Protein backbone atom coordinates (compact mmCIF):
# COMPACT_ATOMS: atom_id res chain seq x y z
CA UNK A 1 0.00 0.00 0.00
CA UNK A 2 1.58 3.24 -1.14
CA UNK A 3 0.66 6.46 0.62
CA UNK A 4 0.87 9.78 -1.14
CA UNK A 5 0.49 13.17 0.46
CA UNK A 6 -0.41 15.90 -1.98
CA UNK A 7 -1.06 19.28 -0.48
CA UNK A 8 -0.50 22.91 -1.35
CA UNK A 9 2.17 24.39 0.92
CA UNK A 10 2.00 28.19 1.17
CA UNK A 11 5.41 29.73 0.48
CA UNK A 12 4.94 32.23 3.30
CA UNK A 13 4.79 29.50 5.92
CA UNK A 14 8.24 27.91 6.27
CA UNK A 15 7.06 25.46 8.95
CA UNK A 16 4.93 23.65 6.35
CA UNK A 17 7.95 23.35 4.08
CA UNK A 18 10.03 21.82 6.89
CA UNK A 19 7.16 19.45 7.74
CA UNK A 20 6.97 18.46 4.07
CA UNK A 21 10.68 17.61 4.09
CA UNK A 22 10.22 15.36 7.11
CA UNK A 23 7.24 13.64 5.45
CA UNK A 24 9.30 13.01 2.30
CA UNK A 25 12.15 11.62 4.42
CA UNK A 26 9.69 9.30 6.20
CA UNK A 27 8.25 8.15 2.86
CA UNK A 28 11.76 7.46 1.59
CA UNK A 29 12.51 5.37 4.67
CA UNK A 30 9.22 3.50 4.39
CA UNK A 31 9.70 2.77 0.69
CA UNK A 32 13.07 1.09 1.35
CA UNK A 33 11.85 -1.07 4.24
CA UNK A 34 11.64 -4.72 3.19
CA UNK A 35 9.67 -7.14 5.37
CA UNK A 36 11.77 -10.17 4.40
CA UNK A 37 14.86 -8.67 6.08
CA UNK A 38 15.52 -8.54 9.82
CA UNK A 39 15.13 -5.26 11.68
CA UNK A 40 18.93 -4.78 11.85
CA UNK A 41 19.32 -5.49 8.12
CA UNK A 42 16.59 -2.95 7.36
CA UNK A 43 18.29 -0.32 9.52
CA UNK A 44 21.59 -0.85 7.70
CA UNK A 45 19.78 -0.71 4.34
CA UNK A 46 17.98 2.54 5.30
CA UNK A 47 21.21 4.11 6.58
CA UNK A 48 22.98 3.27 3.31
CA UNK A 49 20.12 4.77 1.25
CA UNK A 50 20.08 7.98 3.29
CA UNK A 51 23.86 8.37 3.17
CA UNK A 52 23.75 7.90 -0.59
CA UNK A 53 20.91 10.42 -1.04
CA UNK A 54 22.42 13.13 1.14
CA UNK A 55 25.97 12.87 -0.30
CA UNK A 56 27.89 12.54 2.94
CA UNK A 57 31.32 13.51 1.70
CA UNK A 58 31.46 16.41 4.11
CA UNK A 59 34.84 16.22 5.86
CA UNK A 60 36.37 19.38 4.32
CA UNK A 61 33.21 21.43 4.85
CA UNK A 62 32.90 20.25 8.46
CA UNK A 63 36.51 21.30 9.08
CA UNK A 64 35.63 24.78 7.76
CA UNK A 65 32.51 25.02 9.98
CA UNK A 66 34.68 23.98 12.95
CA UNK A 67 37.17 26.68 11.99
CA UNK A 68 34.31 29.23 11.88
CA UNK A 69 33.40 28.44 15.49
CA UNK A 70 37.03 28.47 16.66
CA UNK A 71 37.81 31.83 15.02
CA UNK A 72 34.31 33.31 15.54
CA UNK A 73 34.32 34.46 11.92
CA UNK A 74 32.23 33.33 8.95
CA UNK A 75 35.16 33.91 6.59
CA UNK A 76 36.20 30.20 6.40
CA UNK A 77 32.79 29.11 5.02
CA UNK A 78 31.66 32.07 2.89
CA UNK A 79 32.92 30.59 -0.39
CA UNK A 80 31.51 27.10 0.20
CA UNK A 81 27.91 28.03 1.08
CA UNK A 82 25.16 27.26 -1.41
CA UNK A 83 23.06 30.31 -2.37
CA UNK A 84 19.91 28.53 -1.15
CA UNK A 85 21.50 26.98 1.95
CA UNK A 86 19.38 26.36 5.04
CA UNK A 87 20.25 26.90 8.71
CA UNK A 88 18.15 24.83 11.10
CA UNK A 89 18.44 25.01 14.87
CA UNK A 90 16.22 23.89 17.71
CA UNK A 91 16.96 27.29 19.29
CA UNK A 92 15.76 29.30 16.27
CA UNK A 93 12.00 29.33 15.65
CA UNK A 94 12.17 29.14 11.85
CA UNK A 95 14.80 27.97 9.40
CA UNK A 96 17.01 30.62 7.86
CA UNK A 97 17.08 30.08 4.10
CA UNK A 98 19.61 31.82 1.87
CA UNK A 99 23.33 32.50 2.05
CA UNK A 100 23.04 36.26 2.71
CA UNK A 101 20.43 35.85 5.48
CA UNK A 102 22.51 33.13 7.12
CA UNK A 103 25.72 35.20 7.00
CA UNK A 104 23.91 38.21 8.48
CA UNK A 105 22.48 36.09 11.32
CA UNK A 106 25.70 34.17 11.99
CA UNK A 107 27.95 37.26 11.95
CA UNK A 108 25.74 38.84 14.63
CA UNK A 109 25.68 35.61 16.66
CA UNK A 110 29.47 35.20 16.50
CA UNK A 111 29.97 38.88 17.46
CA UNK A 112 27.76 38.39 20.53
CA UNK A 113 29.74 35.27 21.52
CA UNK A 114 33.03 37.11 20.98
CA UNK A 115 31.87 39.99 23.18
CA UNK A 116 30.81 37.49 25.86
CA UNK A 117 34.21 35.80 25.74
CA UNK A 118 35.99 39.15 26.16
CA UNK A 119 33.89 39.81 29.27
CA UNK A 120 34.61 36.32 30.61
CA UNK A 121 30.94 35.29 30.50
CA UNK A 122 31.15 32.69 27.71
CA UNK A 123 33.52 29.79 27.10
CA UNK A 124 33.27 28.11 23.71
CA UNK A 125 35.15 25.19 22.19
CA UNK A 126 34.54 23.02 19.15
CA UNK A 127 35.98 19.90 17.56
CA UNK A 128 35.22 17.54 14.66
CA UNK A 129 33.65 14.24 15.74
CA UNK A 130 32.13 11.11 14.24
CA UNK A 131 29.05 9.48 15.69
CA UNK A 132 28.42 5.77 15.97
CA UNK A 133 25.88 4.82 13.30
CA UNK A 134 26.80 7.73 11.01
CA UNK A 135 30.00 6.35 9.49
CA UNK A 136 31.19 8.47 6.57
CA UNK A 137 29.72 11.65 8.03
CA UNK A 138 31.54 14.07 10.33
CA UNK A 139 29.93 16.48 12.79
CA UNK A 140 31.10 19.48 14.78
CA UNK A 141 30.68 19.17 18.53
CA UNK A 142 30.33 22.56 20.18
CA UNK A 143 30.68 23.02 23.93
CA UNK A 144 29.10 26.27 25.08
CA UNK A 145 29.40 27.44 28.70
CA UNK A 146 27.60 30.49 30.03
CA UNK A 147 26.92 31.41 33.65
CA UNK A 148 28.16 28.01 34.82
CA UNK A 149 25.76 26.10 32.57
CA UNK A 150 27.33 23.87 29.92
CA UNK A 151 25.63 22.76 26.71
CA UNK A 152 26.94 20.25 24.19
CA UNK A 153 25.66 20.89 20.69
CA UNK A 154 26.08 18.78 17.57
CA UNK A 155 26.29 20.48 14.20
CA UNK A 156 25.46 18.50 11.09
CA UNK A 157 26.71 19.80 7.75
CA UNK A 158 24.86 18.54 4.66
CA UNK A 159 26.83 18.90 1.43
CA UNK A 160 25.69 18.87 -2.18
CA UNK A 161 28.19 19.30 -5.04
CA UNK A 162 30.93 20.39 -2.59
CA UNK A 163 28.77 23.27 -1.27
CA UNK A 164 27.16 23.45 2.15
CA UNK A 165 23.44 22.93 1.58
CA UNK A 166 22.37 22.83 5.22
CA UNK A 167 23.77 23.46 8.70
CA UNK A 168 21.72 21.81 11.44
CA UNK A 169 22.22 22.41 15.17
CA UNK A 170 20.72 20.14 17.80
CA UNK A 171 21.53 19.15 21.39
CA UNK A 172 23.87 16.23 21.88
CA UNK A 173 21.67 13.37 23.07
CA UNK A 174 24.13 10.66 24.07
CA UNK A 175 27.76 9.96 24.82
CA UNK A 176 28.57 7.77 21.79
CA UNK A 177 30.73 10.38 20.10
CA UNK A 178 34.24 9.63 18.94
CA UNK A 179 36.81 12.38 18.51
CA UNK A 180 38.07 12.66 14.92
CA UNK A 181 41.82 13.20 14.59
C-alpha atoms as a PDB file:
ATOM      1  CA  UNK A   1       0.000   0.000   0.000  1.00  0.00           C
ATOM      2  CA  UNK A   2       1.575   3.243  -1.137  1.00  0.00           C
ATOM      3  CA  UNK A   3       0.655   6.457   0.621  1.00  0.00           C
ATOM      4  CA  UNK A   4       0.870   9.777  -1.139  1.00  0.00           C
ATOM      5  CA  UNK A   5       0.487  13.168   0.456  1.00  0.00           C
ATOM      6  CA  UNK A   6      -0.408  15.901  -1.977  1.00  0.00           C
ATOM      7  CA  UNK A   7      -1.064  19.285  -0.479  1.00  0.00           C
ATOM      8  CA  UNK A   8      -0.500  22.913  -1.347  1.00  0.00           C
ATOM      9  CA  UNK A   9       2.172  24.394   0.918  1.00  0.00           C
ATOM     10  CA  UNK A  10       1.998  28.195   1.173  1.00  0.00           C
ATOM     11  CA  UNK A  11       5.412  29.728   0.482  1.00  0.00           C
ATOM     12  CA  UNK A  12       4.936  32.234   3.296  1.00  0.00           C
ATOM     13  CA  UNK A  13       4.787  29.497   5.923  1.00  0.00           C
ATOM     14  CA  UNK A  14       8.244  27.906   6.272  1.00  0.00           C
ATOM     15  CA  UNK A  15       7.061  25.457   8.952  1.00  0.00           C
ATOM     16  CA  UNK A  16       4.927  23.652   6.349  1.00  0.00           C
ATOM     17  CA  UNK A  17       7.951  23.350   4.075  1.00  0.00           C
ATOM     18  CA  UNK A  18      10.027  21.819   6.887  1.00  0.00           C
ATOM     19  CA  UNK A  19       7.158  19.451   7.743  1.00  0.00           C
ATOM     20  CA  UNK A  20       6.974  18.465   4.068  1.00  0.00           C
ATOM     21  CA  UNK A  21      10.684  17.609   4.093  1.00  0.00           C
ATOM     22  CA  UNK A  22      10.216  15.359   7.113  1.00  0.00           C
ATOM     23  CA  UNK A  23       7.238  13.640   5.455  1.00  0.00           C
ATOM     24  CA  UNK A  24       9.301  13.014   2.297  1.00  0.00           C
ATOM     25  CA  UNK A  25      12.146  11.625   4.420  1.00  0.00           C
ATOM     26  CA  UNK A  26       9.689   9.299   6.201  1.00  0.00           C
ATOM     27  CA  UNK A  27       8.249   8.147   2.860  1.00  0.00           C
ATOM     28  CA  UNK A  28      11.762   7.457   1.586  1.00  0.00           C
ATOM     29  CA  UNK A  29      12.513   5.368   4.673  1.00  0.00           C
ATOM     30  CA  UNK A  30       9.219   3.496   4.389  1.00  0.00           C
ATOM     31  CA  UNK A  31       9.698   2.775   0.694  1.00  0.00           C
ATOM     32  CA  UNK A  32      13.071   1.086   1.355  1.00  0.00           C
ATOM     33  CA  UNK A  33      11.850  -1.065   4.239  1.00  0.00           C
ATOM     34  CA  UNK A  34      11.639  -4.720   3.192  1.00  0.00           C
ATOM     35  CA  UNK A  35       9.666  -7.138   5.375  1.00  0.00           C
ATOM     36  CA  UNK A  36      11.773 -10.172   4.398  1.00  0.00           C
ATOM     37  CA  UNK A  37      14.862  -8.668   6.082  1.00  0.00           C
ATOM     38  CA  UNK A  38      15.517  -8.537   9.823  1.00  0.00           C
ATOM     39  CA  UNK A  39      15.133  -5.261  11.677  1.00  0.00           C
ATOM     40  CA  UNK A  40      18.928  -4.785  11.852  1.00  0.00           C
ATOM     41  CA  UNK A  41      19.320  -5.486   8.115  1.00  0.00           C
ATOM     42  CA  UNK A  42      16.591  -2.953   7.359  1.00  0.00           C
ATOM     43  CA  UNK A  43      18.291  -0.319   9.517  1.00  0.00           C
ATOM     44  CA  UNK A  44      21.586  -0.851   7.699  1.00  0.00           C
ATOM     45  CA  UNK A  45      19.778  -0.705   4.344  1.00  0.00           C
ATOM     46  CA  UNK A  46      17.984   2.538   5.301  1.00  0.00           C
ATOM     47  CA  UNK A  47      21.208   4.112   6.577  1.00  0.00           C
ATOM     48  CA  UNK A  48      22.979   3.267   3.310  1.00  0.00           C
ATOM     49  CA  UNK A  49      20.118   4.770   1.249  1.00  0.00           C
ATOM     50  CA  UNK A  50      20.078   7.979   3.293  1.00  0.00           C
ATOM     51  CA  UNK A  51      23.861   8.366   3.168  1.00  0.00           C
ATOM     52  CA  UNK A  52      23.755   7.900  -0.594  1.00  0.00           C
ATOM     53  CA  UNK A  53      20.906  10.418  -1.044  1.00  0.00           C
ATOM     54  CA  UNK A  54      22.418  13.130   1.143  1.00  0.00           C
ATOM     55  CA  UNK A  55      25.971  12.872  -0.301  1.00  0.00           C
ATOM     56  CA  UNK A  56      27.887  12.541   2.938  1.00  0.00           C
ATOM     57  CA  UNK A  57      31.322  13.506   1.700  1.00  0.00           C
ATOM     58  CA  UNK A  58      31.456  16.415   4.108  1.00  0.00           C
ATOM     59  CA  UNK A  59      34.837  16.221   5.857  1.00  0.00           C
ATOM     60  CA  UNK A  60      36.368  19.379   4.323  1.00  0.00           C
ATOM     61  CA  UNK A  61      33.207  21.428   4.849  1.00  0.00           C
ATOM     62  CA  UNK A  62      32.897  20.255   8.465  1.00  0.00           C
ATOM     63  CA  UNK A  63      36.514  21.303   9.075  1.00  0.00           C
ATOM     64  CA  UNK A  64      35.625  24.785   7.758  1.00  0.00           C
ATOM     65  CA  UNK A  65      32.515  25.019   9.981  1.00  0.00           C
ATOM     66  CA  UNK A  66      34.676  23.981  12.952  1.00  0.00           C
ATOM     67  CA  UNK A  67      37.170  26.683  11.987  1.00  0.00           C
ATOM     68  CA  UNK A  68      34.315  29.226  11.883  1.00  0.00           C
ATOM     69  CA  UNK A  69      33.402  28.436  15.491  1.00  0.00           C
ATOM     70  CA  UNK A  70      37.033  28.468  16.663  1.00  0.00           C
ATOM     71  CA  UNK A  71      37.810  31.827  15.016  1.00  0.00           C
ATOM     72  CA  UNK A  72      34.309  33.314  15.543  1.00  0.00           C
ATOM     73  CA  UNK A  73      34.319  34.460  11.920  1.00  0.00           C
ATOM     74  CA  UNK A  74      32.231  33.328   8.946  1.00  0.00           C
ATOM     75  CA  UNK A  75      35.159  33.907   6.593  1.00  0.00           C
ATOM     76  CA  UNK A  76      36.196  30.200   6.403  1.00  0.00           C
ATOM     77  CA  UNK A  77      32.791  29.114   5.021  1.00  0.00           C
ATOM     78  CA  UNK A  78      31.662  32.070   2.895  1.00  0.00           C
ATOM     79  CA  UNK A  79      32.917  30.592  -0.386  1.00  0.00           C
ATOM     80  CA  UNK A  80      31.505  27.104   0.203  1.00  0.00           C
ATOM     81  CA  UNK A  81      27.910  28.033   1.081  1.00  0.00           C
ATOM     82  CA  UNK A  82      25.159  27.258  -1.407  1.00  0.00           C
ATOM     83  CA  UNK A  83      23.064  30.310  -2.369  1.00  0.00           C
ATOM     84  CA  UNK A  84      19.912  28.534  -1.146  1.00  0.00           C
ATOM     85  CA  UNK A  85      21.496  26.985   1.949  1.00  0.00           C
ATOM     86  CA  UNK A  86      19.378  26.364   5.039  1.00  0.00           C
ATOM     87  CA  UNK A  87      20.246  26.895   8.709  1.00  0.00           C
ATOM     88  CA  UNK A  88      18.149  24.826  11.104  1.00  0.00           C
ATOM     89  CA  UNK A  89      18.437  25.008  14.869  1.00  0.00           C
ATOM     90  CA  UNK A  90      16.220  23.889  17.710  1.00  0.00           C
ATOM     91  CA  UNK A  91      16.958  27.288  19.286  1.00  0.00           C
ATOM     92  CA  UNK A  92      15.759  29.299  16.272  1.00  0.00           C
ATOM     93  CA  UNK A  93      11.998  29.325  15.645  1.00  0.00           C
ATOM     94  CA  UNK A  94      12.171  29.140  11.852  1.00  0.00           C
ATOM     95  CA  UNK A  95      14.803  27.973   9.396  1.00  0.00           C
ATOM     96  CA  UNK A  96      17.008  30.617   7.857  1.00  0.00           C
ATOM     97  CA  UNK A  97      17.080  30.078   4.104  1.00  0.00           C
ATOM     98  CA  UNK A  98      19.611  31.818   1.870  1.00  0.00           C
ATOM     99  CA  UNK A  99      23.333  32.502   2.049  1.00  0.00           C
ATOM    100  CA  UNK A 100      23.039  36.255   2.712  1.00  0.00           C
ATOM    101  CA  UNK A 101      20.426  35.846   5.475  1.00  0.00           C
ATOM    102  CA  UNK A 102      22.508  33.127   7.118  1.00  0.00           C
ATOM    103  CA  UNK A 103      25.716  35.195   7.003  1.00  0.00           C
ATOM    104  CA  UNK A 104      23.907  38.211   8.478  1.00  0.00           C
ATOM    105  CA  UNK A 105      22.481  36.094  11.315  1.00  0.00           C
ATOM    106  CA  UNK A 106      25.702  34.170  11.992  1.00  0.00           C
ATOM    107  CA  UNK A 107      27.951  37.257  11.954  1.00  0.00           C
ATOM    108  CA  UNK A 108      25.740  38.841  14.630  1.00  0.00           C
ATOM    109  CA  UNK A 109      25.678  35.610  16.658  1.00  0.00           C
ATOM    110  CA  UNK A 110      29.468  35.203  16.497  1.00  0.00           C
ATOM    111  CA  UNK A 111      29.973  38.879  17.464  1.00  0.00           C
ATOM    112  CA  UNK A 112      27.762  38.388  20.534  1.00  0.00           C
ATOM    113  CA  UNK A 113      29.742  35.267  21.518  1.00  0.00           C
ATOM    114  CA  UNK A 114      33.033  37.113  20.983  1.00  0.00           C
ATOM    115  CA  UNK A 115      31.874  39.993  23.181  1.00  0.00           C
ATOM    116  CA  UNK A 116      30.807  37.490  25.865  1.00  0.00           C
ATOM    117  CA  UNK A 117      34.212  35.800  25.738  1.00  0.00           C
ATOM    118  CA  UNK A 118      35.993  39.145  26.164  1.00  0.00           C
ATOM    119  CA  UNK A 119      33.889  39.814  29.269  1.00  0.00           C
ATOM    120  CA  UNK A 120      34.608  36.316  30.606  1.00  0.00           C
ATOM    121  CA  UNK A 121      30.941  35.292  30.497  1.00  0.00           C
ATOM    122  CA  UNK A 122      31.148  32.690  27.712  1.00  0.00           C
ATOM    123  CA  UNK A 123      33.518  29.795  27.102  1.00  0.00           C
ATOM    124  CA  UNK A 124      33.268  28.106  23.708  1.00  0.00           C
ATOM    125  CA  UNK A 125      35.154  25.185  22.188  1.00  0.00           C
ATOM    126  CA  UNK A 126      34.540  23.016  19.154  1.00  0.00           C
ATOM    127  CA  UNK A 127      35.977  19.898  17.562  1.00  0.00           C
ATOM    128  CA  UNK A 128      35.223  17.538  14.665  1.00  0.00           C
ATOM    129  CA  UNK A 129      33.654  14.241  15.741  1.00  0.00           C
ATOM    130  CA  UNK A 130      32.132  11.113  14.244  1.00  0.00           C
ATOM    131  CA  UNK A 131      29.047   9.483  15.685  1.00  0.00           C
ATOM    132  CA  UNK A 132      28.416   5.766  15.967  1.00  0.00           C
ATOM    133  CA  UNK A 133      25.883   4.820  13.301  1.00  0.00           C
ATOM    134  CA  UNK A 134      26.803   7.732  11.013  1.00  0.00           C
ATOM    135  CA  UNK A 135      30.001   6.353   9.486  1.00  0.00           C
ATOM    136  CA  UNK A 136      31.194   8.467   6.573  1.00  0.00           C
ATOM    137  CA  UNK A 137      29.725  11.646   8.030  1.00  0.00           C
ATOM    138  CA  UNK A 138      31.540  14.067  10.331  1.00  0.00           C
ATOM    139  CA  UNK A 139      29.929  16.477  12.791  1.00  0.00           C
ATOM    140  CA  UNK A 140      31.097  19.484  14.784  1.00  0.00           C
ATOM    141  CA  UNK A 141      30.679  19.174  18.532  1.00  0.00           C
ATOM    142  CA  UNK A 142      30.327  22.562  20.177  1.00  0.00           C
ATOM    143  CA  UNK A 143      30.678  23.021  23.934  1.00  0.00           C
ATOM    144  CA  UNK A 144      29.105  26.268  25.081  1.00  0.00           C
ATOM    145  CA  UNK A 145      29.404  27.439  28.702  1.00  0.00           C
ATOM    146  CA  UNK A 146      27.599  30.494  30.035  1.00  0.00           C
ATOM    147  CA  UNK A 147      26.921  31.413  33.652  1.00  0.00           C
ATOM    148  CA  UNK A 148      28.162  28.012  34.818  1.00  0.00           C
ATOM    149  CA  UNK A 149      25.758  26.095  32.573  1.00  0.00           C
ATOM    150  CA  UNK A 150      27.333  23.873  29.924  1.00  0.00           C
ATOM    151  CA  UNK A 151      25.631  22.756  26.708  1.00  0.00           C
ATOM    152  CA  UNK A 152      26.941  20.255  24.189  1.00  0.00           C
ATOM    153  CA  UNK A 153      25.657  20.890  20.695  1.00  0.00           C
ATOM    154  CA  UNK A 154      26.083  18.780  17.568  1.00  0.00           C
ATOM    155  CA  UNK A 155      26.287  20.485  14.195  1.00  0.00           C
ATOM    156  CA  UNK A 156      25.459  18.500  11.093  1.00  0.00           C
ATOM    157  CA  UNK A 157      26.710  19.798   7.747  1.00  0.00           C
ATOM    158  CA  UNK A 158      24.862  18.542   4.661  1.00  0.00           C
ATOM    159  CA  UNK A 159      26.832  18.900   1.431  1.00  0.00           C
ATOM    160  CA  UNK A 160      25.689  18.871  -2.176  1.00  0.00           C
ATOM    161  CA  UNK A 161      28.185  19.299  -5.041  1.00  0.00           C
ATOM    162  CA  UNK A 162      30.926  20.385  -2.590  1.00  0.00           C
ATOM    163  CA  UNK A 163      28.771  23.267  -1.268  1.00  0.00           C
ATOM    164  CA  UNK A 164      27.159  23.453   2.153  1.00  0.00           C
ATOM    165  CA  UNK A 165      23.437  22.926   1.585  1.00  0.00           C
ATOM    166  CA  UNK A 166      22.373  22.828   5.225  1.00  0.00           C
ATOM    167  CA  UNK A 167      23.771  23.455   8.699  1.00  0.00           C
ATOM    168  CA  UNK A 168      21.718  21.810  11.438  1.00  0.00           C
ATOM    169  CA  UNK A 169      22.221  22.406  15.173  1.00  0.00           C
ATOM    170  CA  UNK A 170      20.724  20.136  17.797  1.00  0.00           C
ATOM    171  CA  UNK A 171      21.527  19.153  21.390  1.00  0.00           C
ATOM    172  CA  UNK A 172      23.866  16.226  21.877  1.00  0.00           C
ATOM    173  CA  UNK A 173      21.674  13.374  23.066  1.00  0.00           C
ATOM    174  CA  UNK A 174      24.130  10.657  24.068  1.00  0.00           C
ATOM    175  CA  UNK A 175      27.764   9.956  24.816  1.00  0.00           C
ATOM    176  CA  UNK A 176      28.568   7.766  21.787  1.00  0.00           C
ATOM    177  CA  UNK A 177      30.733  10.382  20.102  1.00  0.00           C
ATOM    178  CA  UNK A 178      34.241   9.631  18.935  1.00  0.00           C
ATOM    179  CA  UNK A 179      36.807  12.382  18.515  1.00  0.00           C
ATOM    180  CA  UNK A 180      38.073  12.656  14.918  1.00  0.00           C
ATOM    181  CA  UNK A 181      41.819  13.195  14.590  1.00  0.00           C
END
